[in-house]
Amino acid sequence: MEITQFEQLVVSALEDIKGKDIQVIDTTRLTSLFDRVIIASGDSNRQTRSLARNVADKAREAGLRVVSVEGEETGEWVLVDLGDIVVHVMQPAVRAYYNLEELWSATPARPSRPGSAAARAA
């Protein structure tokens, strides 16, 4: 699967469960470990866990490997490692505190995709 299709699959999985403020960051010039960081917010522990679980489930359904899922115990910040894409699902306060968008700012963050609910909300 091409990276753009993979990215769309992840963003769609986040949008399915009403993920908020979805940002896609291209990291190809910054690291060889992965190509994209996708960050989304959920309003509660339950929603962040559901968002992460949906991303992992959709990836598996598409025949992709889920390397690991971390942080489901608390649900404040759940990381889904999909190899080429790393997904961070965070509650807004945790997201503001760690500000991953700024950390990866060498490549500007962009809304998930033109015309998506996340892009319209931005």
PDB file of N, CA and C in Angstrom:
ATOM      1  N   MET A   1       0.847  -1.173   0.000  1.00  0.00           N
ATOM      2  CA  MET A   1       0.000   0.000   0.000  1.00  0.00           C
ATOM      3  C   MET A   1       0.896   1.241   0.000  1.00  0.00           C
ATOM      4  N   GLU A   2       0.569   2.193  -0.852  1.00  0.00           N
ATOM      5  CA  GLU A   2       1.316   3.435  -0.900  1.00  0.00           C
ATOM      6  C   GLU A   2       1.069   4.248   0.366  1.00  0.00           C
ATOM      7  N   ILE A   3       2.039   5.106   0.700  1.00  0.00           N
ATOM      8  CA  ILE A   3       1.948   5.871   1.942  1.00  0.00           C
ATOM      9  C   ILE A   3       0.720   6.786   1.957  1.00  0.00           C
ATOM     10  N   THR A   4       0.325   7.353   0.819  1.00  0.00           N
ATOM     11  CA  THR A   4      -0.847   8.234   0.814  1.00  0.00           C
ATOM     12  C   THR A   4      -2.126   7.446   1.084  1.00  0.00           C
ATOM     13  N   GLN A   5      -2.219   6.239   0.549  1.00  0.00           N
ATOM     14  CA  GLN A   5      -3.382   5.390   0.829  1.00  0.00           C
ATOM     15  C   GLN A   5      -3.394   4.981   2.298  1.00  0.00           C
ATOM     16  N   PHE A   6      -2.229   4.644   2.814  1.00  0.00           N
ATOM     17  CA  PHE A   6      -2.068   4.248   4.210  1.00  0.00           C
ATOM     18  C   PHE A   6      -2.488   5.412   5.122  1.00  0.00           C
ATOM     19  N   GLU A   7      -2.026   6.607   4.788  1.00  0.00           N
ATOM     20  CA  GLU A   7      -2.369   7.813   5.538  1.00  0.00           C
ATOM     21  C   GLU A   7      -3.884   8.032   5.530  1.00  0.00           C
ATOM     22  N   GLN A   8      -4.513   7.890   4.373  1.00  0.00           N
ATOM     23  CA  GLN A   8      -5.963   8.071   4.260  1.00  0.00           C
ATOM     24  C   GLN A   8      -6.722   7.039   5.089  1.00  0.00           C
ATOM     25  N   LEU A   9      -6.235   5.808   5.115  1.00  0.00           N
ATOM     26  CA  LEU A   9      -6.869   4.768   5.916  1.00  0.00           C
ATOM     27  C   LEU A   9      -6.855   5.155   7.396  1.00  0.00           C
ATOM     28  N   VAL A  10      -5.715   5.640   7.883  1.00  0.00           N
ATOM     29  CA  VAL A  10      -5.589   6.034   9.284  1.00  0.00           C
ATOM     30  C   VAL A  10      -6.485   7.220   9.592  1.00  0.00           C
ATOM     31  N   VAL A  11      -6.471   8.237   8.742  1.00  0.00           N
ATOM     32  CA  VAL A  11      -7.290   9.429   8.974  1.00  0.00           C
ATOM     33  C   VAL A  11      -8.774   9.061   8.968  1.00  0.00           C
ATOM     34  N   SER A  12      -9.180   8.215   8.043  1.00  0.00           N
ATOM     35  CA  SER A  12     -10.586   7.778   7.992  1.00  0.00           C
ATOM     36  C   SER A  12     -10.977   7.034   9.260  1.00  0.00           C
ATOM     37  N   ALA A  13     -10.075   6.187   9.757  1.00  0.00           N
ATOM     38  CA  ALA A  13     -10.358   5.454  10.998  1.00  0.00           C
ATOM     39  C   ALA A  13     -10.525   6.413  12.166  1.00  0.00           C
ATOM     40  N   LEU A  14      -9.741   7.479  12.196  1.00  0.00           N
ATOM     41  CA  LEU A  14      -9.869   8.486  13.261  1.00  0.00           C
ATOM     42  C   LEU A  14     -11.157   9.283  13.101  1.00  0.00           C
ATOM     43  N   GLU A  15     -11.495   9.644  11.881  1.00  0.00           N
ATOM     44  CA  GLU A  15     -12.721  10.404  11.634  1.00  0.00           C
ATOM     45  C   GLU A  15     -13.965   9.586  11.947  1.00  0.00           C
ATOM     46  N   ASP A  16     -13.903   8.259  11.738  1.00  0.00           N
ATOM     47  CA  ASP A  16     -15.040   7.376  12.035  1.00  0.00           C
ATOM     48  C   ASP A  16     -15.484   7.491  13.488  1.00  0.00           C
ATOM     49  N   ILE A  17     -14.542   7.702  14.397  1.00  0.00           N
ATOM     50  CA  ILE A  17     -14.834   7.751  15.833  1.00  0.00           C
ATOM     51  C   ILE A  17     -14.787   9.200  16.328  1.00  0.00           C
ATOM     52  N   LYS A  18     -14.904  10.142  15.400  1.00  0.00           N
ATOM     53  CA  LYS A  18     -14.978  11.579  15.733  1.00  0.00           C
ATOM     54  C   LYS A  18     -13.706  12.117  16.372  1.00  0.00           C
ATOM     55  N   GLY A  19     -12.540  11.663  15.873  1.00  0.00           N
ATOM     56  CA  GLY A  19     -11.281  12.245  16.315  1.00  0.00           C
ATOM     57  C   GLY A  19     -11.249  13.722  15.960  1.00  0.00           C
ATOM     58  N   LYS A  20     -10.630  14.514  16.799  1.00  0.00           N
ATOM     59  CA  LYS A  20     -10.598  15.960  16.594  1.00  0.00           C
ATOM     60  C   LYS A  20      -9.188  16.429  16.270  1.00  0.00           C
ATOM     61  N   ASP A  21      -9.103  17.571  15.590  1.00  0.00           N
ATOM     62  CA  ASP A  21      -7.830  18.237  15.303  1.00  0.00           C
ATOM     63  C   ASP A  21      -6.788  17.281  14.741  1.00  0.00           C
ATOM     64  N   ILE A  22      -7.168  16.535  13.733  1.00  0.00           N
ATOM     65  CA  ILE A  22      -6.267  15.552  13.139  1.00  0.00           C
ATOM     66  C   ILE A  22      -5.199  16.281  12.320  1.00  0.00           C
ATOM     67  N   GLN A  23      -3.950  15.991  12.637  1.00  0.00           N
ATOM     68  CA  GLN A  23      -2.816  16.587  11.924  1.00  0.00           C
ATOM     69  C   GLN A  23      -1.944  15.476  11.356  1.00  0.00           C
ATOM     70  N   VAL A  24      -1.525  15.648  10.103  1.00  0.00           N
ATOM     71  CA  VAL A  24      -0.629  14.710   9.444  1.00  0.00           C
ATOM     72  C   VAL A  24       0.692  15.440   9.225  1.00  0.00           C
ATOM     73  N   ILE A  25       1.771  14.857   9.699  1.00  0.00           N
ATOM     74  CA  ILE A  25       3.087  15.471   9.581  1.00  0.00           C
ATOM     75  C   ILE A  25       4.002  14.536   8.796  1.00  0.00           C
ATOM     76  N   ASP A  26       4.541  15.041   7.702  1.00  0.00           N
ATOM     77  CA  ASP A  26       5.469  14.279   6.867  1.00  0.00           C
ATOM     78  C   ASP A  26       6.847  14.342   7.522  1.00  0.00           C
ATOM     79  N   THR A  27       7.373  13.194   7.913  1.00  0.00           N
ATOM     80  CA  THR A  27       8.667  13.141   8.605  1.00  0.00           C
ATOM     81  C   THR A  27       9.770  12.514   7.752  1.00  0.00           C
ATOM     82  N   THR A  28       9.531  12.370   6.457  1.00  0.00           N
ATOM     83  CA  THR A  28      10.503  11.682   5.608  1.00  0.00           C
ATOM     84  C   THR A  28      11.853  12.382   5.567  1.00  0.00           C
ATOM     85  N   ARG A  29      11.889  13.692   5.726  1.00  0.00           N
ATOM     86  CA  ARG A  29      13.163  14.421   5.711  1.00  0.00           C
ATOM     87  C   ARG A  29      13.813  14.492   7.090  1.00  0.00           C
ATOM     88  N   LEU A  30      13.088  14.051   8.110  1.00  0.00           N
ATOM     89  CA  LEU A  30      13.587  14.174   9.478  1.00  0.00           C
ATOM     90  C   LEU A  30      14.109  12.875  10.060  1.00  0.00           C
ATOM     91  N   THR A  31      13.549  11.762   9.634  1.00  0.00           N
ATOM     92  CA  THR A  31      13.947  10.470  10.189  1.00  0.00           C
ATOM     93  C   THR A  31      13.686   9.370   9.164  1.00  0.00           C
ATOM     94  N   SER A  32      14.464   8.332   9.252  1.00  0.00           N
ATOM     95  CA  SER A  32      14.237   7.179   8.380  1.00  0.00           C
ATOM     96  C   SER A  32      13.412   6.107   9.090  1.00  0.00           C
ATOM     97  N   LEU A  33      13.020   6.373  10.317  1.00  0.00           N
ATOM     98  CA  LEU A  33      12.277   5.379  11.104  1.00  0.00           C
ATOM     99  C   LEU A  33      10.827   5.241  10.666  1.00  0.00           C
ATOM    100  N   PHE A  34      10.202   6.352  10.248  1.00  0.00           N
ATOM    101  CA  PHE A  34       8.811   6.341   9.802  1.00  0.00           C
ATOM    102  C   PHE A  34       8.586   7.521   8.882  1.00  0.00           C
ATOM    103  N   ASP A  35       7.507   7.459   8.099  1.00  0.00           N
ATOM    104  CA  ASP A  35       7.233   8.493   7.095  1.00  0.00           C
ATOM    105  C   ASP A  35       6.226   9.545   7.544  1.00  0.00           C
ATOM    106  N   ARG A  36       5.335   9.178   8.454  1.00  0.00           N
ATOM    107  CA  ARG A  36       4.303  10.117   8.895  1.00  0.00           C
ATOM    108  C   ARG A  36       4.079   9.990  10.397  1.00  0.00           C
ATOM    109  N   VAL A  37       3.751  11.124  10.993  1.00  0.00           N
ATOM    110  CA  VAL A  37       3.216  11.168  12.349  1.00  0.00           C
ATOM    111  C   VAL A  37       1.810  11.732  12.192  1.00  0.00           C
ATOM    112  N   ILE A  38       0.849  11.042  12.746  1.00  0.00           N
ATOM    113  CA  ILE A  38      -0.535  11.527  12.716  1.00  0.00           C
ATOM    114  C   ILE A  38      -0.967  11.708  14.160  1.00  0.00           C
ATOM    115  N   ILE A  39      -1.481  12.899  14.450  1.00  0.00           N
ATOM    116  CA  ILE A  39      -1.874  13.255  15.810  1.00  0.00           C
ATOM    117  C   ILE A  39      -3.360  13.604  15.794  1.00  0.00           C
ATOM    118  N   ALA A  40      -4.083  13.082  16.779  1.00  0.00           N
ATOM    119  CA  ALA A  40      -5.513  13.380  16.904  1.00  0.00           C
ATOM    120  C   ALA A  40      -5.861  13.511  18.376  1.00  0.00           C
ATOM    121  N   SER A  41      -6.954  14.198  18.651  1.00  0.00           N
ATOM    122  CA  SER A  41      -7.421  14.359  20.026  1.00  0.00           C
ATOM    123  C   SER A  41      -8.739  13.629  20.224  1.00  0.00           C
ATOM    124  N   GLY A  42      -8.912  13.145  21.451  1.00  0.00           N
ATOM    125  CA  GLY A  42     -10.163  12.547  21.893  1.00  0.00           C
ATOM    126  C   GLY A  42     -10.572  13.213  23.192  1.00  0.00           C
ATOM    127  N   ASP A  43     -11.863  13.302  23.436  1.00  0.00           N
ATOM    128  CA  ASP A  43     -12.375  14.044  24.595  1.00  0.00           C
ATOM    129  C   ASP A  43     -12.270  13.310  25.926  1.00  0.00           C
ATOM    130  N   SER A  44     -12.100  11.997  25.892  1.00  0.00           N
ATOM    131  CA  SER A  44     -12.076  11.229  27.139  1.00  0.00           C
ATOM    132  C   SER A  44     -11.139  10.039  26.983  1.00  0.00           C
ATOM    133  N   ASN A  45     -10.822   9.399  28.099  1.00  0.00           N
ATOM    134  CA  ASN A  45      -9.997   8.187  28.059  1.00  0.00           C
ATOM    135  C   ASN A  45     -10.645   7.135  27.168  1.00  0.00           C
ATOM    136  N   ARG A  46     -11.932   6.993  27.312  1.00  0.00           N
ATOM    137  CA  ARG A  46     -12.660   5.994  26.524  1.00  0.00           C
ATOM    138  C   ARG A  46     -12.549   6.294  25.030  1.00  0.00           C
ATOM    139  N   GLN A  47     -12.700   7.570  24.651  1.00  0.00           N
ATOM    140  CA  GLN A  47     -12.630   7.913  23.234  1.00  0.00           C
ATOM    141  C   GLN A  47     -11.214   7.739  22.676  1.00  0.00           C
ATOM    142  N   THR A  48     -10.196   8.127  23.435  1.00  0.00           N
ATOM    143  CA  THR A  48      -8.830   7.957  22.922  1.00  0.00           C
ATOM    144  C   THR A  48      -8.524   6.476  22.714  1.00  0.00           C
ATOM    145  N   ARG A  49      -8.957   5.637  23.638  1.00  0.00           N
ATOM    146  CA  ARG A  49      -8.749   4.186  23.460  1.00  0.00           C
ATOM    147  C   ARG A  49      -9.525   3.670  22.256  1.00  0.00           C
ATOM    148  N   SER A  50     -10.755   4.140  22.079  1.00  0.00           N
ATOM    149  CA  SER A  50     -11.565   3.707  20.934  1.00  0.00           C
ATOM    150  C   SER A  50     -10.960   4.162  19.615  1.00  0.00           C
ATOM    151  N   LEU A  51     -10.454   5.382  19.571  1.00  0.00           N
ATOM    152  CA  LEU A  51      -9.803   5.887  18.361  1.00  0.00           C
ATOM    153  C   LEU A  51      -8.598   5.021  18.000  1.00  0.00           C
ATOM    154  N   ALA A  52      -7.755   4.764  18.986  1.00  0.00           N
ATOM    155  CA  ALA A  52      -6.560   3.950  18.749  1.00  0.00           C
ATOM    156  C   ALA A  52      -6.935   2.528  18.327  1.00  0.00           C
ATOM    157  N   ARG A  53      -7.920   1.962  18.988  1.00  0.00           N
ATOM    158  CA  ARG A  53      -8.359   0.593  18.658  1.00  0.00           C
ATOM    159  C   ARG A  53      -8.904   0.539  17.230  1.00  0.00           C
ATOM    160  N   ASN A  54      -9.664   1.563  16.825  1.00  0.00           N
ATOM    161  CA  ASN A  54     -10.220   1.589  15.474  1.00  0.00           C
ATOM    162  C   ASN A  54      -9.110   1.697  14.428  1.00  0.00           C
ATOM    163  N   VAL A  55      -8.089   2.508  14.696  1.00  0.00           N
ATOM    164  CA  VAL A  55      -6.954   2.619  13.778  1.00  0.00           C
ATOM    165  C   VAL A  55      -6.273   1.255  13.633  1.00  0.00           C
ATOM    166  N   ALA A  56      -6.001   0.602  14.741  1.00  0.00           N
ATOM    167  CA  ALA A  56      -5.343  -0.710  14.705  1.00  0.00           C
ATOM    168  C   ALA A  56      -6.215  -1.735  13.980  1.00  0.00           C
ATOM    169  N   ASP A  57      -7.512  -1.745  14.265  1.00  0.00           N
ATOM    170  CA  ASP A  57      -8.422  -2.696  13.618  1.00  0.00           C
ATOM    171  C   ASP A  57      -8.481  -2.484  12.108  1.00  0.00           C
ATOM    172  N   LYS A  58      -8.604  -1.222  11.673  1.00  0.00           N
ATOM    173  CA  LYS A  58      -8.686  -0.925  10.233  1.00  0.00           C
ATOM    174  C   LYS A  58      -7.378  -1.289   9.534  1.00  0.00           C
ATOM    175  N   ALA A  59      -6.254  -1.058  10.202  1.00  0.00           N
ATOM    176  CA  ALA A  59      -4.960  -1.429   9.620  1.00  0.00           C
ATOM    177  C   ALA A  59      -4.884  -2.948   9.443  1.00  0.00           C
ATOM    178  N   ARG A  60      -5.279  -3.686  10.465  1.00  0.00           N
ATOM    179  CA  ARG A  60      -5.257  -5.159  10.366  1.00  0.00           C
ATOM    180  C   ARG A  60      -6.190  -5.654   9.265  1.00  0.00           C
ATOM    181  N   GLU A  61      -7.388  -5.049   9.173  1.00  0.00           N
ATOM    182  CA  GLU A  61      -8.345  -5.443   8.126  1.00  0.00           C
ATOM    183  C   GLU A  61      -7.763  -5.231   6.730  1.00  0.00           C
ATOM    184  N   ALA A  62      -6.914  -4.213   6.592  1.00  0.00           N
ATOM    185  CA  ALA A  62      -6.289  -3.914   5.302  1.00  0.00           C
ATOM    186  C   ALA A  62      -5.039  -4.768   5.067  1.00  0.00           C
ATOM    187  N   GLY A  63      -4.754  -5.674   6.011  1.00  0.00           N
ATOM    188  CA  GLY A  63      -3.607  -6.558   5.869  1.00  0.00           C
ATOM    189  C   GLY A  63      -2.283  -5.936   6.298  1.00  0.00           C
ATOM    190  N   LEU A  64      -2.369  -4.854   7.055  1.00  0.00           N
ATOM    191  CA  LEU A  64      -1.164  -4.169   7.521  1.00  0.00           C
ATOM    192  C   LEU A  64      -0.796  -4.648   8.915  1.00  0.00           C
ATOM    193  N   ARG A  65       0.467  -4.508   9.235  1.00  0.00           N
ATOM    194  CA  ARG A  65       0.982  -4.955  10.529  1.00  0.00           C
ATOM    195  C   ARG A  65       0.903  -3.839  11.554  1.00  0.00           C
ATOM    196  N   VAL A  66       0.370  -4.151  12.726  1.00  0.00           N
ATOM    197  CA  VAL A  66       0.386  -3.225  13.857  1.00  0.00           C
ATOM    198  C   VAL A  66       1.593  -3.642  14.710  1.00  0.00           C
ATOM    199  N   VAL A  67       2.606  -2.782  14.759  1.00  0.00           N
ATOM    200  CA  VAL A  67       3.829  -3.100  15.483  1.00  0.00           C
ATOM    201  C   VAL A  67       3.565  -3.127  16.979  1.00  0.00           C
ATOM    202  N   SER A  68       2.909  -2.081  17.493  1.00  0.00           N
ATOM    203  CA  SER A  68       2.554  -2.056  18.911  1.00  0.00           C
ATOM    204  C   SER A  68       1.532  -0.966  19.192  1.00  0.00           C
ATOM    205  N   VAL A  69       0.878  -1.109  20.330  1.00  0.00           N
ATOM    206  CA  VAL A  69      -0.049  -0.104  20.846  1.00  0.00           C
ATOM    207  C   VAL A  69       0.347   0.130  22.291  1.00  0.00           C
ATOM    208  N   GLU A  70       0.594   1.378  22.646  1.00  0.00           N
ATOM    209  CA  GLU A  70       1.043   1.733  23.994  1.00  0.00           C
ATOM    210  C   GLU A  70       0.112   2.767  24.605  1.00  0.00           C
ATOM    211  N   GLY A  71      -0.115   2.675  25.904  1.00  0.00           N
ATOM    212  CA  GLY A  71      -0.865   3.694  26.628  1.00  0.00           C
ATOM    213  C   GLY A  71      -2.347   3.438  26.801  1.00  0.00           C
ATOM    214  N   GLU A  72      -2.811   2.259  26.410  1.00  0.00           N
ATOM    215  CA  GLU A  72      -4.245   1.976  26.529  1.00  0.00           C
ATOM    216  C   GLU A  72      -4.707   1.903  27.978  1.00  0.00           C
ATOM    217  N   GLU A  73      -3.785   1.635  28.898  1.00  0.00           N
ATOM    218  CA  GLU A  73      -4.174   1.502  30.302  1.00  0.00           C
ATOM    219  C   GLU A  73      -4.808   2.793  30.826  1.00  0.00           C
ATOM    220  N   THR A  74      -4.170   3.928  30.555  1.00  0.00           N
ATOM    221  CA  THR A  74      -4.689   5.195  31.062  1.00  0.00           C
ATOM    222  C   THR A  74      -5.590   5.887  30.046  1.00  0.00           C
ATOM    223  N   GLY A  75      -5.256   5.786  28.776  1.00  0.00           N
ATOM    224  CA  GLY A  75      -6.076   6.406  27.738  1.00  0.00           C
ATOM    225  C   GLY A  75      -5.844   7.892  27.571  1.00  0.00           C
ATOM    226  N   GLU A  76      -4.893   8.470  28.298  1.00  0.00           N
ATOM    227  CA  GLU A  76      -4.618   9.895  28.128  1.00  0.00           C
ATOM    228  C   GLU A  76      -3.817  10.146  26.858  1.00  0.00           C
ATOM    229  N   TRP A  77      -2.926   9.209  26.529  1.00  0.00           N
ATOM    230  CA  TRP A  77      -2.104   9.287  25.326  1.00  0.00           C
ATOM    231  C   TRP A  77      -1.883   7.859  24.858  1.00  0.00           C
ATOM    232  N   VAL A  78      -2.461   7.530  23.718  1.00  0.00           N
ATOM    233  CA  VAL A  78      -2.303   6.188  23.167  1.00  0.00           C
ATOM    234  C   VAL A  78      -1.521   6.305  21.865  1.00  0.00           C
ATOM    235  N   LEU A  79      -0.463   5.526  21.754  1.00  0.00           N
ATOM    236  CA  LEU A  79       0.389   5.519  20.574  1.00  0.00           C
ATOM    237  C   LEU A  79       0.155   4.219  19.815  1.00  0.00           C
ATOM    238  N   VAL A  80      -0.074   4.336  18.520  1.00  0.00           N
ATOM    239  CA  VAL A  80      -0.234   3.171  17.658  1.00  0.00           C
ATOM    240  C   VAL A  80       0.907   3.210  16.643  1.00  0.00           C
ATOM    241  N   ASP A  81       1.799   2.234  16.727  1.00  0.00           N
ATOM    242  CA  ASP A  81       2.933   2.152  15.819  1.00  0.00           C
ATOM    243  C   ASP A  81       2.560   1.221  14.672  1.00  0.00           C
ATOM    244  N   LEU A  82       2.465   1.798  13.479  1.00  0.00           N
ATOM    245  CA  LEU A  82       2.113   1.032  12.291  1.00  0.00           C
ATOM    246  C   LEU A  82       3.309   0.887  11.351  1.00  0.00           C
ATOM    247  N   GLY A  83       4.492   1.113  11.871  1.00  0.00           N
ATOM    248  CA  GLY A  83       5.689   1.015  11.042  1.00  0.00           C
ATOM    249  C   GLY A  83       5.961   2.327  10.324  1.00  0.00           C
ATOM    250  N   ASP A  84       5.414   2.496   9.133  1.00  0.00           N
ATOM    251  CA  ASP A  84       5.628   3.718   8.354  1.00  0.00           C
ATOM    252  C   ASP A  84       4.866   4.913   8.908  1.00  0.00           C
ATOM    253  N   ILE A  85       3.851   4.654   9.723  1.00  0.00           N
ATOM    254  CA  ILE A  85       3.057   5.724  10.329  1.00  0.00           C
ATOM    255  C   ILE A  85       2.971   5.477  11.833  1.00  0.00           C
ATOM    256  N   VAL A  86       3.205   6.545  12.595  1.00  0.00           N
ATOM    257  CA  VAL A  86       3.043   6.495  14.049  1.00  0.00           C
ATOM    258  C   VAL A  86       1.881   7.413  14.393  1.00  0.00           C
ATOM    259  N   VAL A  87       0.899   6.873  15.092  1.00  0.00           N
ATOM    260  CA  VAL A  87      -0.318   7.615  15.424  1.00  0.00           C
ATOM    261  C   VAL A  87      -0.324   7.912  16.916  1.00  0.00           C
ATOM    262  N   HIS A  88      -0.536   9.180  17.249  1.00  0.00           N
ATOM    263  CA  HIS A  88      -0.658   9.615  18.640  1.00  0.00           C
ATOM    264  C   HIS A  88      -2.091  10.087  18.841  1.00  0.00           C
ATOM    265  N   VAL A  89      -2.812   9.461  19.754  1.00  0.00           N
ATOM    266  CA  VAL A  89      -4.165   9.878  20.094  1.00  0.00           C
ATOM    267  C   VAL A  89      -4.108  10.382  21.535  1.00  0.00           C
ATOM    268  N   MET A  90      -4.413  11.659  21.714  1.00  0.00           N
ATOM    269  CA  MET A  90      -4.183  12.293  23.002  1.00  0.00           C
ATOM    270  C   MET A  90      -5.402  13.094  23.450  1.00  0.00           C
ATOM    271  N   GLN A  91      -5.523  13.232  24.755  1.00  0.00           N
ATOM    272  CA  GLN A  91      -6.510  14.164  25.276  1.00  0.00           C
ATOM    273  C   GLN A  91      -5.955  15.570  25.092  1.00  0.00           C
ATOM    274  N   PRO A  92      -6.807  16.573  24.921  1.00  0.00           N
ATOM    275  CA  PRO A  92      -6.345  17.926  24.602  1.00  0.00           C
ATOM    276  C   PRO A  92      -5.305  18.501  25.568  1.00  0.00           C
ATOM    277  N   ALA A  93      -5.446  18.305  26.861  1.00  0.00           N
ATOM    278  CA  ALA A  93      -4.479  18.863  27.819  1.00  0.00           C
ATOM    279  C   ALA A  93      -3.106  18.220  27.654  1.00  0.00           C
ATOM    280  N   VAL A  94      -3.081  16.925  27.433  1.00  0.00           N
ATOM    281  CA  VAL A  94      -1.817  16.210  27.235  1.00  0.00           C
ATOM    282  C   VAL A  94      -1.192  16.647  25.914  1.00  0.00           C
ATOM    283  N   ARG A  95      -2.017  16.793  24.898  1.00  0.00           N
ATOM    284  CA  ARG A  95      -1.529  17.220  23.590  1.00  0.00           C
ATOM    285  C   ARG A  95      -0.928  18.622  23.662  1.00  0.00           C
ATOM    286  N   ALA A  96      -1.590  19.523  24.357  1.00  0.00           N
ATOM    287  CA  ALA A  96      -1.078  20.888  24.500  1.00  0.00           C
ATOM    288  C   ALA A  96       0.243  20.892  25.272  1.00  0.00           C
ATOM    289  N   TYR A  97       0.342  20.069  26.297  1.00  0.00           N
ATOM    290  CA  TYR A  97       1.548  20.022  27.117  1.00  0.00           C
ATOM    291  C   TYR A  97       2.764  19.527  26.315  1.00  0.00           C
ATOM    292  N   TYR A  98       2.605  18.430  25.587  1.00  0.00           N
ATOM    293  CA  TYR A  98       3.728  17.842  24.855  1.00  0.00           C
ATOM    294  C   TYR A  98       3.961  18.496  23.494  1.00  0.00           C
ATOM    295  N   ASN A  99       2.946  19.083  22.899  1.00  0.00           N
ATOM    296  CA  ASN A  99       3.040  19.860  21.668  1.00  0.00           C
ATOM    297  C   ASN A  99       3.907  19.172  20.602  1.00  0.00           C
ATOM    298  N   LEU A 100       3.514  17.975  20.231  1.00  0.00           N
ATOM    299  CA  LEU A 100       4.274  17.208  19.247  1.00  0.00           C
ATOM    300  C   LEU A 100       4.341  17.903  17.894  1.00  0.00           C
ATOM    301  N   GLU A 101       3.329  18.688  17.572  1.00  0.00           N
ATOM    302  CA  GLU A 101       3.348  19.408  16.307  1.00  0.00           C
ATOM    303  C   GLU A 101       4.576  20.313  16.223  1.00  0.00           C
ATOM    304  N   GLU A 102       4.911  20.973  17.315  1.00  0.00           N
ATOM    305  CA  GLU A 102       6.090  21.839  17.326  1.00  0.00           C
ATOM    306  C   GLU A 102       7.371  21.010  17.282  1.00  0.00           C
ATOM    307  N   LEU A 103       7.370  19.896  17.962  1.00  0.00           N
ATOM    308  CA  LEU A 103       8.536  19.016  17.958  1.00  0.00           C
ATOM    309  C   LEU A 103       8.908  18.596  16.540  1.00  0.00           C
ATOM    310  N   TRP A 104       7.904  18.297  15.742  1.00  0.00           N
ATOM    311  CA  TRP A 104       8.126  17.862  14.361  1.00  0.00           C
ATOM    312  C   TRP A 104       7.974  19.021  13.375  1.00  0.00           C
ATOM    313  N   SER A 105       8.128  20.266  13.824  1.00  0.00           N
ATOM    314  CA  SER A 105       7.826  21.439  13.010  1.00  0.00           C
ATOM    315  C   SER A 105       8.805  21.705  11.879  1.00  0.00           C
ATOM    316  N   ALA A 106       9.880  20.966  11.759  1.00  0.00           N
ATOM    317  CA  ALA A 106      10.769  21.157  10.623  1.00  0.00           C
ATOM    318  C   ALA A 106      10.011  20.931   9.318  1.00  0.00           C
ATOM    319  N   THR A 107       8.966  20.133   9.376  1.00  0.00           N
ATOM    320  CA  THR A 107       8.045  19.960   8.266  1.00  0.00           C
ATOM    321  C   THR A 107       6.689  20.411   8.777  1.00  0.00           C
ATOM    322  N   PRO A 108       6.085  21.433   8.187  1.00  0.00           N
ATOM    323  CA  PRO A 108       4.844  21.969   8.727  1.00  0.00           C
ATOM    324  C   PRO A 108       3.723  20.932   8.814  1.00  0.00           C
ATOM    325  N   ALA A 109       2.991  20.973   9.920  1.00  0.00           N
ATOM    326  CA  ALA A 109       1.812  20.115  10.074  1.00  0.00           C
ATOM    327  C   ALA A 109       0.750  20.605   9.117  1.00  0.00           C
ATOM    328  N   ARG A 110      -0.103  19.674   8.658  1.00  0.00           N
ATOM    329  CA  ARG A 110      -1.202  20.066   7.773  1.00  0.00           C
ATOM    330  C   ARG A 110      -2.452  19.319   8.187  1.00  0.00           C
ATOM    331  N   PRO A 111      -3.609  19.874   7.877  1.00  0.00           N
ATOM    332  CA  PRO A 111      -4.839  19.127   8.161  1.00  0.00           C
ATOM    333  C   PRO A 111      -4.814  17.787   7.433  1.00  0.00           C
ATOM    334  N   SER A 112      -5.611  16.847   7.907  1.00  0.00           N
ATOM    335  CA  SER A 112      -5.571  15.480   7.417  1.00  0.00           C
ATOM    336  C   SER A 112      -5.627  15.365   5.901  1.00  0.00           C
ATOM    337  N   ARG A 113      -6.580  15.994   5.240  1.00  0.00           N
ATOM    338  CA  ARG A 113      -6.647  16.021   3.786  1.00  0.00           C
ATOM    339  C   ARG A 113      -7.698  17.047   3.364  1.00  0.00           C
ATOM    340  N   PRO A 114      -7.502  17.675   2.233  1.00  0.00           N
ATOM    341  CA  PRO A 114      -8.464  18.684   1.784  1.00  0.00           C
ATOM    342  C   PRO A 114      -9.864  18.092   1.670  1.00  0.00           C
ATOM    343  N   GLY A 115     -10.833  18.833   2.139  1.00  0.00           N
ATOM    344  CA  GLY A 115     -12.220  18.405   2.039  1.00  0.00           C
ATOM    345  C   GLY A 115     -12.688  17.498   3.162  1.00  0.00           C
ATOM    346  N   SER A 116     -11.774  17.029   4.006  1.00  0.00           N
ATOM    347  CA  SER A 116     -12.191  16.153   5.115  1.00  0.00           C
ATOM    348  C   SER A 116     -12.804  16.984   6.225  1.00  0.00           C
ATOM    349  N   ALA A 117     -13.466  16.320   7.134  1.00  0.00           N
ATOM    350  CA  ALA A 117     -14.079  17.016   8.270  1.00  0.00           C
ATOM    351  C   ALA A 117     -13.023  17.724   9.086  1.00  0.00           C
ATOM    352  N   ALA A 118     -11.856  17.118   9.243  1.00  0.00           N
ATOM    353  CA  ALA A 118     -10.776  17.734  10.027  1.00  0.00           C
ATOM    354  C   ALA A 118     -10.270  18.990   9.336  1.00  0.00           C
ATOM    355  N   ALA A 119     -10.157  18.980   8.013  1.00  0.00           N
ATOM    356  CA  ALA A 119      -9.675  20.158   7.293  1.00  0.00           C
ATOM    357  C   ALA A 119     -10.697  21.280   7.343  1.00  0.00           C
ATOM    358  N   ARG A 120     -11.980  20.937   7.243  1.00  0.00           N
ATOM    359  CA  ARG A 120     -13.023  21.973   7.317  1.00  0.00           C
ATOM    360  C   ARG A 120     -13.086  22.605   8.674  1.00  0.00           C
ATOM    361  N   ALA A 121     -12.794  21.836   9.726  1.00  0.00           N
ATOM    362  CA  ALA A 121     -12.853  22.362  11.083  1.00  0.00           C
ATOM    363  C   ALA A 121     -11.662  23.271  11.387  1.00  0.00           C
ATOM    364  N   ALA A 122     -10.570  23.099  10.642  1.00  0.00           N
ATOM    365  CA  ALA A 122      -9.348  23.890  10.883  1.00  0.00           C
ATOM    366  C   ALA A 122      -9.479  25.311  10.422  1.00  0.00           C
TER     367      ALA A 122
END
